[in-house]
Amino acid sequence: MSQAAVSVELDRTSPVPLYYQLAQALEQSILDGRLVPGDRIENEIDLAKRLSLSRPTARQAIQALVDKGLLVRKRGVGTQVVRNEVHRAVELTSLYEDLVAAGQRPSTVLLDYRLGRADEEVADELGIEHDAQVVSIRRLRSADDVPLAILTNHLPAELAPAPDELQAKGLYQCLRGRGITIAHAQQRIGARISAGDEADLLDEQPGEAVLTMQRVAFNEVGTAIELGRHVYRASRYFFDVSVFSR
């Protein structure tokens, strides 16, 4: 893919810093559609040379847009335009289907899939016997090839979809294919500092904040179907909540 060269006019007599003028010009090109998701922009060396800027000035402008979630750096690819942040209503839906509905392209990497005995906490949340057989699944979900969330789910072994299904579909879609309908859920949303390999998987700096959600989903007769513990990239994702007065 070739690099997109955006027309930029800089006012060198202005008190506004040149990096900020450049960042604003690039941002406007993204907002008005001259640069679209997937476009690869010039690297900082080419950009600095074309505009007669120092390399640190070009780097600072690009980093400002990376920090705003408008650009993403990819190893071996360069700097690309990404979609705006994912807005997700706090409703009983799957992330996979929400992304499809928003016109984005979800993809999944299955990080772990194991059968084992439920620990005490998982058993209590699912309302099953301690040491009952559960399948624990860990997946990395991306939108348009941009890492977005790490999804960890625990299900009674007899309900768990096969690994290949989970790489092609969302969990709830897999469950519906087995005649299992999620009717309601209890969930808790929070935030914390990334831990372990989370920052690396989400392409964030170590110590960045992440959003969290824990959900226990139930079928129509109140049987717990799955326990989800999800971590979301805070720079690219947030929840929308509607509130009403009494």
C-alpha atoms as a PDB file:
ATOM      1  CA  MET A   1       0.000   0.000   0.000  1.00  0.00           C
ATOM      2  CA  SER A   2       1.411   3.411  -0.981  1.00  0.00           C
ATOM      3  CA  GLN A   3       1.716   6.277   1.425  1.00  0.00           C
ATOM      4  CA  ALA A   4      -0.849   9.090   1.284  1.00  0.00           C
ATOM      5  CA  ALA A   5       0.647  12.585   0.977  1.00  0.00           C
ATOM      6  CA  VAL A   6      -1.784  15.166   2.361  1.00  0.00           C
ATOM      7  CA  SER A   7      -1.636  18.781   1.239  1.00  0.00           C
ATOM      8  CA  VAL A   8      -0.575  20.826   4.267  1.00  0.00           C
ATOM      9  CA  GLU A   9      -0.209  24.606   4.578  1.00  0.00           C
ATOM     10  CA  LEU A  10       1.894  25.804   7.494  1.00  0.00           C
ATOM     11  CA  ASP A  11       2.046  29.386   8.752  1.00  0.00           C
ATOM     12  CA  ARG A  12       5.597  29.826   9.955  1.00  0.00           C
ATOM     13  CA  THR A  13       4.833  33.327  11.241  1.00  0.00           C
ATOM     14  CA  SER A  14       2.092  32.062  13.543  1.00  0.00           C
ATOM     15  CA  PRO A  15       2.670  31.608  17.299  1.00  0.00           C
ATOM     16  CA  VAL A  16       0.915  28.236  16.968  1.00  0.00           C
ATOM     17  CA  PRO A  17       3.589  25.494  17.099  1.00  0.00           C
ATOM     18  CA  LEU A  18       4.331  23.863  13.761  1.00  0.00           C
ATOM     19  CA  TYR A  19       3.745  20.350  15.129  1.00  0.00           C
ATOM     20  CA  TYR A  20       0.259  21.409  16.236  1.00  0.00           C
ATOM     21  CA  GLN A  21      -0.532  22.960  12.844  1.00  0.00           C
ATOM     22  CA  LEU A  22       0.565  19.747  11.143  1.00  0.00           C
ATOM     23  CA  ALA A  23      -1.432  17.571  13.534  1.00  0.00           C
ATOM     24  CA  GLN A  24      -4.535  19.711  12.952  1.00  0.00           C
ATOM     25  CA  ALA A  25      -4.131  19.466   9.165  1.00  0.00           C
ATOM     26  CA  LEU A  26      -3.796  15.685   9.306  1.00  0.00           C
ATOM     27  CA  GLU A  27      -6.729  15.375  11.706  1.00  0.00           C
ATOM     28  CA  GLN A  28      -8.940  17.479   9.429  1.00  0.00           C
ATOM     29  CA  SER A  29      -8.012  15.261   6.496  1.00  0.00           C
ATOM     30  CA  ILE A  30      -9.199  12.255   8.507  1.00  0.00           C
ATOM     31  CA  LEU A  31     -12.416  13.930   9.654  1.00  0.00           C
ATOM     32  CA  ASP A  32     -13.420  15.135   6.190  1.00  0.00           C
ATOM     33  CA  GLY A  33     -12.668  11.785   4.548  1.00  0.00           C
ATOM     34  CA  ARG A  34      -9.577  12.627   2.510  1.00  0.00           C
ATOM     35  CA  LEU A  35      -7.810  10.036   4.640  1.00  0.00           C
ATOM     36  CA  VAL A  36      -9.888   6.951   5.378  1.00  0.00           C
ATOM     37  CA  PRO A  37      -9.376   3.989   7.734  1.00  0.00           C
ATOM     38  CA  GLY A  38      -6.546   1.833   6.421  1.00  0.00           C
ATOM     39  CA  ASP A  39      -4.732   4.638   4.594  1.00  0.00           C
ATOM     40  CA  ARG A  40      -1.021   4.683   5.380  1.00  0.00           C
ATOM     41  CA  ILE A  41       0.409   8.173   5.844  1.00  0.00           C
ATOM     42  CA  GLU A  42       3.946   9.300   5.134  1.00  0.00           C
ATOM     43  CA  ASN A  43       6.523   8.361   7.702  1.00  0.00           C
ATOM     44  CA  GLU A  44       8.018  11.137   9.792  1.00  0.00           C
ATOM     45  CA  ILE A  45      11.206  11.307   7.686  1.00  0.00           C
ATOM     46  CA  ASP A  46       9.337  11.797   4.397  1.00  0.00           C
ATOM     47  CA  LEU A  47       6.835  14.160   6.006  1.00  0.00           C
ATOM     48  CA  ALA A  48       9.568  16.306   7.540  1.00  0.00           C
ATOM     49  CA  LYS A  49      11.505  16.444   4.279  1.00  0.00           C
ATOM     50  CA  ARG A  50       8.462  17.379   2.159  1.00  0.00           C
ATOM     51  CA  LEU A  51       7.348  20.139   4.526  1.00  0.00           C
ATOM     52  CA  SER A  52      10.844  21.367   5.461  1.00  0.00           C
ATOM     53  CA  LEU A  53      10.340  20.498   9.111  1.00  0.00           C
ATOM     54  CA  SER A  54      12.585  18.881  11.654  1.00  0.00           C
ATOM     55  CA  ARG A  55      12.041  15.188  12.205  1.00  0.00           C
ATOM     56  CA  PRO A  56      11.107  15.699  15.922  1.00  0.00           C
ATOM     57  CA  THR A  57       8.386  18.172  14.833  1.00  0.00           C
ATOM     58  CA  ALA A  58       6.879  15.639  12.417  1.00  0.00           C
ATOM     59  CA  ARG A  59       7.178  12.891  15.015  1.00  0.00           C
ATOM     60  CA  GLN A  60       5.400  15.010  17.635  1.00  0.00           C
ATOM     61  CA  ALA A  61       2.510  15.727  15.249  1.00  0.00           C
ATOM     62  CA  ILE A  62       2.062  12.048  14.411  1.00  0.00           C
ATOM     63  CA  GLN A  63       2.285  11.021  18.058  1.00  0.00           C
ATOM     64  CA  ALA A  64      -0.410  13.567  18.977  1.00  0.00           C
ATOM     65  CA  LEU A  65      -2.817  11.790  16.607  1.00  0.00           C
ATOM     66  CA  VAL A  66      -1.736   8.354  17.820  1.00  0.00           C
ATOM     67  CA  ASP A  67      -2.553   9.519  21.354  1.00  0.00           C
ATOM     68  CA  LYS A  68      -5.990  10.677  20.171  1.00  0.00           C
ATOM     69  CA  GLY A  69      -6.691   7.275  18.607  1.00  0.00           C
ATOM     70  CA  LEU A  70      -6.796   8.561  15.016  1.00  0.00           C
ATOM     71  CA  LEU A  71      -3.564   6.919  13.879  1.00  0.00           C
ATOM     72  CA  VAL A  72      -1.911   3.638  14.808  1.00  0.00           C
ATOM     73  CA  ARG A  73       1.691   2.538  14.320  1.00  0.00           C
ATOM     74  CA  LYS A  74       2.106  -1.033  13.061  1.00  0.00           C
ATOM     75  CA  ARG A  75       5.405  -2.847  12.939  1.00  0.00           C
ATOM     76  CA  GLY A  76       6.390  -3.562   9.361  1.00  0.00           C
ATOM     77  CA  VAL A  77       3.459  -1.553   7.981  1.00  0.00           C
ATOM     78  CA  GLY A  78       3.884   2.041   9.099  1.00  0.00           C
ATOM     79  CA  THR A  79       1.397   4.583  10.419  1.00  0.00           C
ATOM     80  CA  GLN A  80      -2.213   4.060   9.406  1.00  0.00           C
ATOM     81  CA  VAL A  81      -5.522   5.816   9.871  1.00  0.00           C
ATOM     82  CA  VAL A  82      -7.871   3.920  12.149  1.00  0.00           C
ATOM     83  CA  ARG A  83     -11.575   4.153  12.769  1.00  0.00           C
ATOM     84  CA  ASN A  84     -12.929   6.361  15.483  1.00  0.00           C
ATOM     85  CA  GLU A  85     -13.328   4.955  18.963  1.00  0.00           C
ATOM     86  CA  VAL A  86     -15.784   2.137  19.432  1.00  0.00           C
ATOM     87  CA  HIS A  87     -18.889   3.326  21.258  1.00  0.00           C
ATOM     88  CA  ARG A  88     -20.774   0.476  22.858  1.00  0.00           C
ATOM     89  CA  ALA A  89     -24.110   0.746  24.596  1.00  0.00           C
ATOM     90  CA  VAL A  90     -24.379  -1.099  27.887  1.00  0.00           C
ATOM     91  CA  GLU A  91     -26.754  -3.740  26.541  1.00  0.00           C
ATOM     92  CA  LEU A  92     -26.853  -7.525  26.385  1.00  0.00           C
ATOM     93  CA  THR A  93     -25.040  -7.899  23.070  1.00  0.00           C
ATOM     94  CA  SER A  94     -21.790  -9.464  21.916  1.00  0.00           C
ATOM     95  CA  LEU A  95     -18.795  -7.356  20.928  1.00  0.00           C
ATOM     96  CA  TYR A  96     -18.423  -9.317  17.679  1.00  0.00           C
ATOM     97  CA  GLU A  97     -21.960  -8.509  16.548  1.00  0.00           C
ATOM     98  CA  ASP A  98     -21.699  -4.878  17.716  1.00  0.00           C
ATOM     99  CA  LEU A  99     -18.620  -4.399  15.540  1.00  0.00           C
ATOM    100  CA  VAL A 100     -20.321  -5.939  12.507  1.00  0.00           C
ATOM    101  CA  ALA A 101     -23.370  -3.707  13.044  1.00  0.00           C
ATOM    102  CA  ALA A 102     -21.082  -0.662  13.201  1.00  0.00           C
ATOM    103  CA  GLY A 103     -19.564  -1.534   9.819  1.00  0.00           C
ATOM    104  CA  GLN A 104     -16.245  -2.686  11.238  1.00  0.00           C
ATOM    105  CA  ARG A 105     -14.440  -5.915  10.496  1.00  0.00           C
ATOM    106  CA  PRO A 106     -13.939  -8.053  13.617  1.00  0.00           C
ATOM    107  CA  SER A 107     -11.255 -10.696  13.835  1.00  0.00           C
ATOM    108  CA  THR A 108     -10.269 -13.088  16.602  1.00  0.00           C
ATOM    109  CA  VAL A 109      -7.072 -14.724  17.758  1.00  0.00           C
ATOM    110  CA  LEU A 110      -7.641 -17.656  20.102  1.00  0.00           C
ATOM    111  CA  LEU A 111      -4.993 -17.245  22.808  1.00  0.00           C
ATOM    112  CA  ASP A 112      -6.003 -20.138  25.060  1.00  0.00           C
ATOM    113  CA  TYR A 113      -8.623 -22.886  25.187  1.00  0.00           C
ATOM    114  CA  ARG A 114      -8.471 -25.384  27.996  1.00  0.00           C
ATOM    115  CA  LEU A 115     -10.648 -27.908  29.770  1.00  0.00           C
ATOM    116  CA  GLY A 116     -10.251 -28.145  33.524  1.00  0.00           C
ATOM    117  CA  ARG A 117     -11.933 -28.084  36.882  1.00  0.00           C
ATOM    118  CA  ALA A 118     -13.613 -24.876  37.985  1.00  0.00           C
ATOM    119  CA  ASP A 119     -11.937 -23.007  40.797  1.00  0.00           C
ATOM    120  CA  GLU A 120     -14.084 -21.870  43.696  1.00  0.00           C
ATOM    121  CA  GLU A 121     -14.761 -18.366  42.360  1.00  0.00           C
ATOM    122  CA  VAL A 122     -15.751 -19.510  38.861  1.00  0.00           C
ATOM    123  CA  ALA A 123     -17.937 -22.287  40.290  1.00  0.00           C
ATOM    124  CA  ASP A 124     -19.740 -19.845  42.588  1.00  0.00           C
ATOM    125  CA  GLU A 125     -20.376 -17.348  39.775  1.00  0.00           C
ATOM    126  CA  LEU A 126     -21.752 -20.065  37.480  1.00  0.00           C
ATOM    127  CA  GLY A 127     -23.689 -21.811  40.252  1.00  0.00           C
ATOM    128  CA  ILE A 128     -22.049 -25.183  39.583  1.00  0.00           C
ATOM    129  CA  GLU A 129     -20.301 -27.713  41.782  1.00  0.00           C
ATOM    130  CA  HIS A 130     -16.767 -26.905  42.821  1.00  0.00           C
ATOM    131  CA  ASP A 131     -14.360 -28.862  40.631  1.00  0.00           C
ATOM    132  CA  ALA A 132     -16.986 -29.278  37.895  1.00  0.00           C
ATOM    133  CA  GLN A 133     -15.569 -29.395  34.360  1.00  0.00           C
ATOM    134  CA  VAL A 134     -15.398 -25.997  32.635  1.00  0.00           C
ATOM    135  CA  VAL A 135     -13.829 -24.706  29.450  1.00  0.00           C
ATOM    136  CA  SER A 136     -11.796 -21.519  29.871  1.00  0.00           C
ATOM    137  CA  ILE A 137     -11.276 -19.446  26.740  1.00  0.00           C
ATOM    138  CA  ARG A 138      -9.054 -16.413  26.151  1.00  0.00           C
ATOM    139  CA  ARG A 139      -9.314 -14.450  22.892  1.00  0.00           C
ATOM    140  CA  LEU A 140      -7.903 -11.260  21.397  1.00  0.00           C
ATOM    141  CA  ARG A 141     -10.584  -9.350  19.499  1.00  0.00           C
ATOM    142  CA  SER A 142      -9.590  -6.738  16.907  1.00  0.00           C
ATOM    143  CA  ALA A 143     -11.584  -4.294  14.803  1.00  0.00           C
ATOM    144  CA  ASP A 144     -10.174  -3.645  11.317  1.00  0.00           C
ATOM    145  CA  ASP A 145      -6.923  -5.273  12.468  1.00  0.00           C
ATOM    146  CA  VAL A 146      -6.576  -2.909  15.446  1.00  0.00           C
ATOM    147  CA  PRO A 147      -6.443  -4.760  18.813  1.00  0.00           C
ATOM    148  CA  LEU A 148      -9.449  -3.817  20.916  1.00  0.00           C
ATOM    149  CA  ALA A 149     -10.181  -6.304  23.701  1.00  0.00           C
ATOM    150  CA  ILE A 150      -8.974  -9.394  25.529  1.00  0.00           C
ATOM    151  CA  LEU A 151     -11.948 -11.662  26.228  1.00  0.00           C
ATOM    152  CA  THR A 152     -11.781 -14.378  28.872  1.00  0.00           C
ATOM    153  CA  ASN A 153     -14.807 -16.646  29.265  1.00  0.00           C
ATOM    154  CA  HIS A 154     -15.597 -19.665  31.433  1.00  0.00           C
ATOM    155  CA  LEU A 155     -18.429 -22.046  30.453  1.00  0.00           C
ATOM    156  CA  PRO A 156     -19.659 -25.437  31.670  1.00  0.00           C
ATOM    157  CA  ALA A 157     -17.801 -27.938  29.507  1.00  0.00           C
ATOM    158  CA  GLU A 158     -20.933 -29.337  27.860  1.00  0.00           C
ATOM    159  CA  LEU A 159     -21.903 -25.863  26.531  1.00  0.00           C
ATOM    160  CA  ALA A 160     -18.568 -24.678  25.160  1.00  0.00           C
ATOM    161  CA  PRO A 161     -18.180 -24.099  21.408  1.00  0.00           C
ATOM    162  CA  ALA A 162     -15.238 -25.672  19.582  1.00  0.00           C
ATOM    163  CA  PRO A 163     -12.052 -23.620  19.101  1.00  0.00           C
ATOM    164  CA  ASP A 164     -12.487 -23.204  15.337  1.00  0.00           C
ATOM    165  CA  GLU A 165     -16.001 -21.801  15.825  1.00  0.00           C
ATOM    166  CA  LEU A 166     -14.726 -19.141  18.211  1.00  0.00           C
ATOM    167  CA  GLN A 167     -12.213 -17.866  15.680  1.00  0.00           C
ATOM    168  CA  ALA A 168     -14.925 -17.367  13.063  1.00  0.00           C
ATOM    169  CA  LYS A 169     -17.887 -16.177  15.147  1.00  0.00           C
ATOM    170  CA  GLY A 170     -18.803 -14.407  18.350  1.00  0.00           C
ATOM    171  CA  LEU A 171     -19.442 -16.504  21.465  1.00  0.00           C
ATOM    172  CA  TYR A 172     -23.149 -15.688  21.668  1.00  0.00           C
ATOM    173  CA  GLN A 173     -23.615 -16.550  17.994  1.00  0.00           C
ATOM    174  CA  CYS A 174     -21.953 -19.917  18.646  1.00  0.00           C
ATOM    175  CA  LEU A 175     -24.248 -20.523  21.615  1.00  0.00           C
ATOM    176  CA  ARG A 176     -27.367 -19.659  19.616  1.00  0.00           C
ATOM    177  CA  GLY A 177     -26.276 -22.261  17.078  1.00  0.00           C
ATOM    178  CA  ARG A 178     -26.552 -24.795  19.916  1.00  0.00           C
ATOM    179  CA  GLY A 179     -30.049 -23.603  20.801  1.00  0.00           C
ATOM    180  CA  ILE A 180     -28.829 -21.621  23.826  1.00  0.00           C
ATOM    181  CA  THR A 181     -30.292 -18.125  24.199  1.00  0.00           C
ATOM    182  CA  ILE A 182     -28.861 -15.517  26.558  1.00  0.00           C
ATOM    183  CA  ALA A 183     -31.828 -13.818  28.223  1.00  0.00           C
ATOM    184  CA  HIS A 184     -30.264 -11.571  30.864  1.00  0.00           C
ATOM    185  CA  ALA A 185     -26.978 -10.885  32.603  1.00  0.00           C
ATOM    186  CA  GLN A 186     -25.367  -9.262  35.590  1.00  0.00           C
ATOM    187  CA  GLN A 187     -22.338  -7.194  34.745  1.00  0.00           C
ATOM    188  CA  ARG A 188     -19.883  -4.849  36.418  1.00  0.00           C
ATOM    189  CA  ILE A 189     -17.798  -2.235  34.582  1.00  0.00           C
ATOM    190  CA  GLY A 190     -14.573  -0.840  35.966  1.00  0.00           C
ATOM    191  CA  ALA A 191     -11.050   0.318  35.146  1.00  0.00           C
ATOM    192  CA  ARG A 192      -7.523  -0.514  36.225  1.00  0.00           C
ATOM    193  CA  ILE A 193      -3.913  -0.461  35.076  1.00  0.00           C
ATOM    194  CA  SER A 194      -2.980  -3.087  32.488  1.00  0.00           C
ATOM    195  CA  ALA A 195      -1.243  -6.153  33.872  1.00  0.00           C
ATOM    196  CA  GLY A 196       0.762  -9.090  32.555  1.00  0.00           C
ATOM    197  CA  ASP A 197       0.755  -9.285  28.761  1.00  0.00           C
ATOM    198  CA  GLU A 198      -2.343  -7.070  28.345  1.00  0.00           C
ATOM    199  CA  ALA A 199      -0.527  -3.911  27.201  1.00  0.00           C
ATOM    200  CA  ASP A 200       1.501  -5.872  24.644  1.00  0.00           C
ATOM    201  CA  LEU A 201      -1.553  -7.665  23.248  1.00  0.00           C
ATOM    202  CA  LEU A 202      -3.516  -4.401  23.013  1.00  0.00           C
ATOM    203  CA  ASP A 203      -0.575  -2.531  21.455  1.00  0.00           C
ATOM    204  CA  GLU A 204      -0.460  -0.057  24.340  1.00  0.00           C
ATOM    205  CA  GLN A 205       2.367   1.205  26.515  1.00  0.00           C
ATOM    206  CA  PRO A 206       2.964  -0.745  29.766  1.00  0.00           C
ATOM    207  CA  GLY A 207       1.005   0.754  32.636  1.00  0.00           C
ATOM    208  CA  GLU A 208      -1.762   2.214  30.447  1.00  0.00           C
ATOM    209  CA  ALA A 209      -5.293   2.102  31.824  1.00  0.00           C
ATOM    210  CA  VAL A 210      -7.784  -0.489  30.578  1.00  0.00           C
ATOM    211  CA  LEU A 211     -11.538  -0.777  30.921  1.00  0.00           C
ATOM    212  CA  THR A 212     -12.876  -3.959  32.459  1.00  0.00           C
ATOM    213  CA  MET A 213     -16.208  -5.754  32.409  1.00  0.00           C
ATOM    214  CA  GLN A 214     -17.263  -8.857  34.295  1.00  0.00           C
ATOM    215  CA  ARG A 215     -20.496 -10.465  33.133  1.00  0.00           C
ATOM    216  CA  VAL A 216     -22.450 -13.532  34.183  1.00  0.00           C
ATOM    217  CA  ALA A 217     -24.995 -14.396  31.481  1.00  0.00           C
ATOM    218  CA  PHE A 218     -28.127 -16.507  32.079  1.00  0.00           C
ATOM    219  CA  ASN A 219     -30.619 -18.318  29.866  1.00  0.00           C
ATOM    220  CA  GLU A 220     -34.384 -17.815  29.993  1.00  0.00           C
ATOM    221  CA  VAL A 221     -34.829 -20.105  33.019  1.00  0.00           C
ATOM    222  CA  GLY A 222     -32.078 -18.451  35.039  1.00  0.00           C
ATOM    223  CA  THR A 223     -29.271 -20.976  34.535  1.00  0.00           C
ATOM    224  CA  ALA A 224     -25.833 -19.370  34.320  1.00  0.00           C
ATOM    225  CA  ILE A 225     -24.310 -19.992  30.880  1.00  0.00           C
ATOM    226  CA  GLU A 226     -20.998 -18.151  30.957  1.00  0.00           C
ATOM    227  CA  LEU A 227     -18.748 -15.977  33.076  1.00  0.00           C
ATOM    228  CA  GLY A 228     -16.921 -13.316  31.081  1.00  0.00           C
ATOM    229  CA  ARG A 229     -13.984 -11.234  32.277  1.00  0.00           C
ATOM    230  CA  HIS A 230     -13.068  -8.762  29.571  1.00  0.00           C
ATOM    231  CA  VAL A 231     -10.366  -6.121  29.226  1.00  0.00           C
ATOM    232  CA  TYR A 232     -10.792  -3.285  26.722  1.00  0.00           C
ATOM    233  CA  ARG A 233      -8.314  -0.837  25.237  1.00  0.00           C
ATOM    234  CA  ALA A 234      -9.274   2.447  26.918  1.00  0.00           C
ATOM    235  CA  SER A 235      -7.827   4.618  24.148  1.00  0.00           C
ATOM    236  CA  ARG A 236     -10.115   3.007  21.560  1.00  0.00           C
ATOM    237  CA  TYR A 237     -13.228   1.970  23.429  1.00  0.00           C
ATOM    238  CA  PHE A 238     -15.872   3.244  25.813  1.00  0.00           C
ATOM    239  CA  PHE A 239     -19.344   2.353  27.023  1.00  0.00           C
ATOM    240  CA  ASP A 240     -22.440   4.498  26.410  1.00  0.00           C
ATOM    241  CA  VAL A 241     -25.030   4.530  29.195  1.00  0.00           C
ATOM    242  CA  SER A 242     -28.500   6.092  29.078  1.00  0.00           C
ATOM    243  CA  VAL A 243     -29.847   7.338  32.393  1.00  0.00           C
ATOM    244  CA  PHE A 244     -33.366   8.434  33.266  1.00  0.00           C
ATOM    245  CA  SER A 245     -34.872  10.468  36.075  1.00  0.00           C
ATOM    246  CA  ARG A 246     -37.376   8.879  38.393  1.00  0.00           C
END
